[in-house]
C-alpha atoms as a PDB file:
ATOM      1  CA  MET A   1    -220.966 -44.095  57.625  1.00  0.00           C
ATOM      2  CA  ARG A   2    -222.145 -43.012  61.031  1.00  0.00           C
ATOM      3  CA  ASN A   3    -220.241 -40.376  62.913  1.00  0.00           C
ATOM      4  CA  ARG A   4    -217.502 -41.585  65.187  1.00  0.00           C
ATOM      5  CA  ILE A   5    -217.552 -40.651  68.859  1.00  0.00           C
ATOM      6  CA  ARG A   6    -215.048 -37.811  69.352  1.00  0.00           C
ATOM      7  CA  VAL A   7    -212.822 -38.080  72.419  1.00  0.00           C
ATOM      8  CA  LEU A   8    -210.169 -35.718  73.769  1.00  0.00           C
ATOM      9  CA  PHE A   9    -207.597 -37.040  76.243  1.00  0.00           C
ATOM     10  CA  VAL A  10    -205.942 -34.322  78.324  1.00  0.00           C
ATOM     11  CA  CYS A  11    -203.063 -34.146  80.805  1.00  0.00           C
ATOM     12  CA  GLY A  12    -200.432 -31.667  81.910  1.00  0.00           C
ATOM     13  CA  LYS A  13    -198.043 -31.451  78.966  1.00  0.00           C
ATOM     14  CA  ASN A  14    -199.365 -33.920  76.343  1.00  0.00           C
ATOM     15  CA  THR A  15    -196.101 -35.867  76.436  1.00  0.00           C
ATOM     16  CA  ALA A  16    -197.214 -39.199  77.923  1.00  0.00           C
ATOM     17  CA  ARG A  17    -200.611 -40.160  79.358  1.00  0.00           C
ATOM     18  CA  SER A  18    -202.886 -38.254  77.001  1.00  0.00           C
ATOM     19  CA  GLN A  19    -200.833 -39.336  73.978  1.00  0.00           C
ATOM     20  CA  MET A  20    -201.112 -42.929  75.195  1.00  0.00           C
ATOM     21  CA  GLY A  21    -204.889 -42.648  75.587  1.00  0.00           C
ATOM     22  CA  GLU A  22    -205.302 -41.184  72.113  1.00  0.00           C
ATOM     23  CA  ALA A  23    -203.111 -43.849  70.499  1.00  0.00           C
ATOM     24  CA  LEU A  24    -204.732 -46.749  72.343  1.00  0.00           C
ATOM     25  CA  LEU A  25    -208.327 -45.710  71.639  1.00  0.00           C
ATOM     26  CA  ASN A  26    -207.604 -45.073  67.961  1.00  0.00           C
ATOM     27  CA  ALA A  27    -205.837 -48.453  67.681  1.00  0.00           C
ATOM     28  CA  ILE A  28    -208.545 -50.386  69.530  1.00  0.00           C
ATOM     29  CA  ALA A  29    -211.620 -48.793  67.970  1.00  0.00           C
ATOM     30  CA  GLY A  30    -210.676 -46.179  65.391  1.00  0.00           C
ATOM     31  CA  ASP A  31    -213.637 -47.267  63.316  1.00  0.00           C
ATOM     32  CA  ARG A  32    -216.040 -46.092  66.061  1.00  0.00           C
ATOM     33  CA  PHE A  33    -214.014 -43.445  67.891  1.00  0.00           C
ATOM     34  CA  GLU A  34    -211.883 -40.487  66.875  1.00  0.00           C
ATOM     35  CA  ALA A  35    -209.418 -39.621  69.624  1.00  0.00           C
ATOM     36  CA  GLU A  36    -207.136 -36.625  69.996  1.00  0.00           C
ATOM     37  CA  SER A  37    -204.984 -35.441  72.858  1.00  0.00           C
ATOM     38  CA  ALA A  38    -203.689 -32.185  74.292  1.00  0.00           C
ATOM     39  CA  GLY A  39    -202.077 -30.770  77.408  1.00  0.00           C
ATOM     40  CA  LEU A  40    -202.667 -27.774  79.607  1.00  0.00           C
ATOM     41  CA  GLU A  41    -199.295 -26.792  78.159  1.00  0.00           C
ATOM     42  CA  ALA A  42    -197.420 -28.312  75.231  1.00  0.00           C
ATOM     43  CA  GLY A  43    -194.373 -30.227  76.419  1.00  0.00           C
ATOM     44  CA  ASP A  44    -191.078 -30.124  74.574  1.00  0.00           C
ATOM     45  CA  SER A  45    -191.154 -33.731  73.347  1.00  0.00           C
ATOM     46  CA  LEU A  46    -192.877 -37.053  73.849  1.00  0.00           C
ATOM     47  CA  ASN A  47    -191.820 -39.247  76.733  1.00  0.00           C
ATOM     48  CA  PRO A  48    -189.407 -41.791  75.186  1.00  0.00           C
ATOM     49  CA  PHE A  49    -190.660 -44.595  77.456  1.00  0.00           C
ATOM     50  CA  VAL A  50    -194.235 -44.058  76.252  1.00  0.00           C
ATOM     51  CA  VAL A  51    -193.077 -44.095  72.621  1.00  0.00           C
ATOM     52  CA  GLU A  52    -191.175 -47.337  73.270  1.00  0.00           C
ATOM     53  CA  VAL A  53    -193.928 -49.226  75.118  1.00  0.00           C
ATOM     54  CA  LEU A  54    -196.477 -48.314  72.451  1.00  0.00           C
ATOM     55  CA  GLN A  55    -194.091 -49.485  69.718  1.00  0.00           C
ATOM     56  CA  GLU A  56    -193.917 -52.828  71.550  1.00  0.00           C
ATOM     57  CA  ILE A  57    -197.608 -53.355  70.732  1.00  0.00           C
ATOM     58  CA  GLY A  58    -197.406 -52.029  67.172  1.00  0.00           C
ATOM     59  CA  ILE A  59    -198.398 -48.387  67.724  1.00  0.00           C
ATOM     60  CA  ASP A  60    -195.970 -45.736  66.471  1.00  0.00           C
ATOM     61  CA  ILE A  61    -196.428 -42.248  67.904  1.00  0.00           C
ATOM     62  CA  SER A  62    -192.819 -41.147  67.361  1.00  0.00           C
ATOM     63  CA  ALA A  63    -193.832 -38.484  64.828  1.00  0.00           C
ATOM     64  CA  LYS A  64    -196.569 -36.982  67.033  1.00  0.00           C
ATOM     65  CA  LYS A  65    -196.240 -33.433  68.326  1.00  0.00           C
ATOM     66  CA  THR A  66    -197.508 -32.116  71.634  1.00  0.00           C
ATOM     67  CA  LYS A  67    -200.520 -29.785  71.572  1.00  0.00           C
ATOM     68  CA  LYS A  68    -202.104 -27.283  73.937  1.00  0.00           C
ATOM     69  CA  ILE A  69    -205.720 -27.759  74.919  1.00  0.00           C
ATOM     70  CA  MET A  70    -206.458 -24.050  74.499  1.00  0.00           C
ATOM     71  CA  ASP A  71    -205.420 -24.216  70.828  1.00  0.00           C
ATOM     72  CA  LEU A  72    -208.066 -26.907  70.234  1.00  0.00           C
ATOM     73  CA  TYR A  73    -210.618 -25.023  72.321  1.00  0.00           C
ATOM     74  CA  GLU A  74    -210.029 -21.724  70.505  1.00  0.00           C
ATOM     75  CA  SER A  75    -210.204 -23.421  67.094  1.00  0.00           C
ATOM     76  CA  GLY A  76    -213.787 -24.457  67.908  1.00  0.00           C
ATOM     77  CA  LYS A  77    -213.193 -28.207  68.047  1.00  0.00           C
ATOM     78  CA  THR A  78    -215.940 -30.207  69.694  1.00  0.00           C
ATOM     79  CA  TYR A  79    -215.862 -33.529  71.519  1.00  0.00           C
ATOM     80  CA  ASP A  80    -218.373 -35.987  72.886  1.00  0.00           C
ATOM     81  CA  TYR A  81    -216.090 -36.882  75.795  1.00  0.00           C
ATOM     82  CA  VAL A  82    -213.141 -35.142  77.418  1.00  0.00           C
ATOM     83  CA  ILE A  83    -211.071 -37.519  79.532  1.00  0.00           C
ATOM     84  CA  ALA A  84    -208.509 -36.068  81.930  1.00  0.00           C
ATOM     85  CA  VAL A  85    -205.803 -38.645  82.653  1.00  0.00           C
ATOM     86  CA  CYS A  86    -203.844 -36.403  85.025  1.00  0.00           C
ATOM     87  CA  ASP A  87    -204.217 -35.681  88.726  1.00  0.00           C
ATOM     88  CA  ALA A  88    -207.282 -33.908  90.109  1.00  0.00           C
ATOM     89  CA  ALA A  89    -205.617 -30.490  90.444  1.00  0.00           C
ATOM     90  CA  GLN A  90    -204.650 -30.445  86.754  1.00  0.00           C
ATOM     91  CA  ALA A  91    -207.993 -31.914  85.656  1.00  0.00           C
ATOM     92  CA  GLU A  92    -209.807 -28.965  87.249  1.00  0.00           C
ATOM     93  CA  LEU A  93    -207.870 -26.576  84.996  1.00  0.00           C
ATOM     94  CA  CYS A  94    -209.263 -28.049  81.770  1.00  0.00           C
ATOM     95  CA  PRO A  95    -211.656 -25.765  79.898  1.00  0.00           C
ATOM     96  CA  VAL A  96    -215.221 -26.936  79.394  1.00  0.00           C
ATOM     97  CA  PHE A  97    -215.731 -27.630  75.692  1.00  0.00           C
ATOM     98  CA  PRO A  98    -219.138 -26.735  74.249  1.00  0.00           C
ATOM     99  CA  GLY A  99    -221.327 -29.762  73.533  1.00  0.00           C
ATOM    100  CA  VAL A 100    -219.373 -32.256  75.620  1.00  0.00           C
ATOM    101  CA  LYS A 101    -221.638 -35.096  76.728  1.00  0.00           C
ATOM    102  CA  LYS A 102    -219.420 -35.964  79.634  1.00  0.00           C
ATOM    103  CA  GLN A 103    -216.118 -34.998  81.220  1.00  0.00           C
ATOM    104  CA  LEU A 104    -214.349 -37.931  82.838  1.00  0.00           C
ATOM    105  CA  HIS A 105    -211.374 -38.148  85.164  1.00  0.00           C
ATOM    106  CA  TRP A 106    -209.127 -41.202  85.005  1.00  0.00           C
ATOM    107  CA  PRO A 107    -206.016 -40.368  87.034  1.00  0.00           C
ATOM    108  CA  PHE A 108    -202.905 -42.275  85.973  1.00  0.00           C
ATOM    109  CA  PRO A 109    -199.372 -41.774  87.324  1.00  0.00           C
ATOM    110  CA  ASP A 110    -197.136 -39.624  85.120  1.00  0.00           C
ATOM    111  CA  PRO A 111    -194.324 -41.674  83.537  1.00  0.00           C
ATOM    112  CA  ALA A 112    -192.113 -38.563  83.781  1.00  0.00           C
ATOM    113  CA  SER A 113    -192.209 -38.981  87.573  1.00  0.00           C
ATOM    114  CA  PHE A 114    -190.985 -42.596  87.585  1.00  0.00           C
ATOM    115  CA  GLU A 115    -187.667 -43.233  89.285  1.00  0.00           C
ATOM    116  CA  GLY A 116    -185.251 -46.125  89.047  1.00  0.00           C
ATOM    117  CA  THR A 117    -183.311 -47.810  86.289  1.00  0.00           C
ATOM    118  CA  ARG A 118    -184.264 -47.618  82.638  1.00  0.00           C
ATOM    119  CA  LYS A 119    -185.661 -51.142  82.922  1.00  0.00           C
ATOM    120  CA  GLU A 120    -187.780 -50.200  85.968  1.00  0.00           C
ATOM    121  CA  LYS A 121    -189.138 -47.074  84.280  1.00  0.00           C
ATOM    122  CA  LEU A 122    -190.040 -49.053  81.154  1.00  0.00           C
ATOM    123  CA  GLN A 123    -191.783 -51.726  83.213  1.00  0.00           C
ATOM    124  CA  ARG A 124    -193.842 -49.151  85.128  1.00  0.00           C
ATOM    125  CA  THR A 125    -194.771 -47.428  81.851  1.00  0.00           C
ATOM    126  CA  ARG A 126    -195.878 -50.809  80.440  1.00  0.00           C
ATOM    127  CA  GLU A 127    -198.091 -51.226  83.514  1.00  0.00           C
ATOM    128  CA  ILE A 128    -199.700 -47.818  82.876  1.00  0.00           C
ATOM    129  CA  ARG A 129    -200.232 -48.792  79.215  1.00  0.00           C
ATOM    130  CA  GLU A 130    -202.031 -51.985  80.241  1.00  0.00           C
ATOM    131  CA  GLU A 131    -204.087 -50.228  82.943  1.00  0.00           C
ATOM    132  CA  MET A 132    -205.128 -47.535  80.483  1.00  0.00           C
ATOM    133  CA  LYS A 133    -205.975 -50.096  77.774  1.00  0.00           C
ATOM    134  CA  ALA A 134    -208.170 -52.001  80.248  1.00  0.00           C
ATOM    135  CA  LYS A 135    -209.887 -48.771  81.363  1.00  0.00           C
ATOM    136  CA  ILE A 136    -210.585 -47.765  77.745  1.00  0.00           C
ATOM    137  CA  GLU A 137    -212.017 -51.198  76.929  1.00  0.00           C
ATOM    138  CA  GLU A 138    -214.212 -51.150  80.057  1.00  0.00           C
ATOM    139  CA  TRP A 139    -215.459 -47.640  79.247  1.00  0.00           C
ATOM    140  CA  MET A 140    -216.245 -48.566  75.633  1.00  0.00           C
ATOM    141  CA  ARG A 141    -218.404 -51.470  76.853  1.00  0.00           C
ATOM    142  CA  GLU A 142    -220.280 -49.070  79.166  1.00  0.00           C
ATOM    143  CA  ILE A 143    -221.128 -46.495  76.507  1.00  0.00           C
ATOM    144  CA  THR A 144    -221.773 -48.630  73.422  1.00  0.00           C
END
């Protein structure tokens, strides 16, 4: 079996966007890619809207824990791609992993910042899920 392409998704607290990226890539192409996620800090818990909208498409991340990027860095983990899904200011704070082919920046809005009713927050989180899924699929076509 050939080696899978290793991808790390990063964001601020590893509670929403990076977890979504990891889950989507592993679900779409886990046979060719191995995705992980981490945050500049580890948040307290996963965003419940992200957990719910992923469950809607058959992906269960409810048992996942948040992780800090520095823990992965210090453990010597290596990645082919590091994809920051946070804003530019946070993306600049990510450490440079040895051996990374490319660092990418795909800014997505943070579901924790969404305002409105529960229904409105869920709908906006679904939109982010679909935007991220489309971006992942487009990127996979570019690199494979």
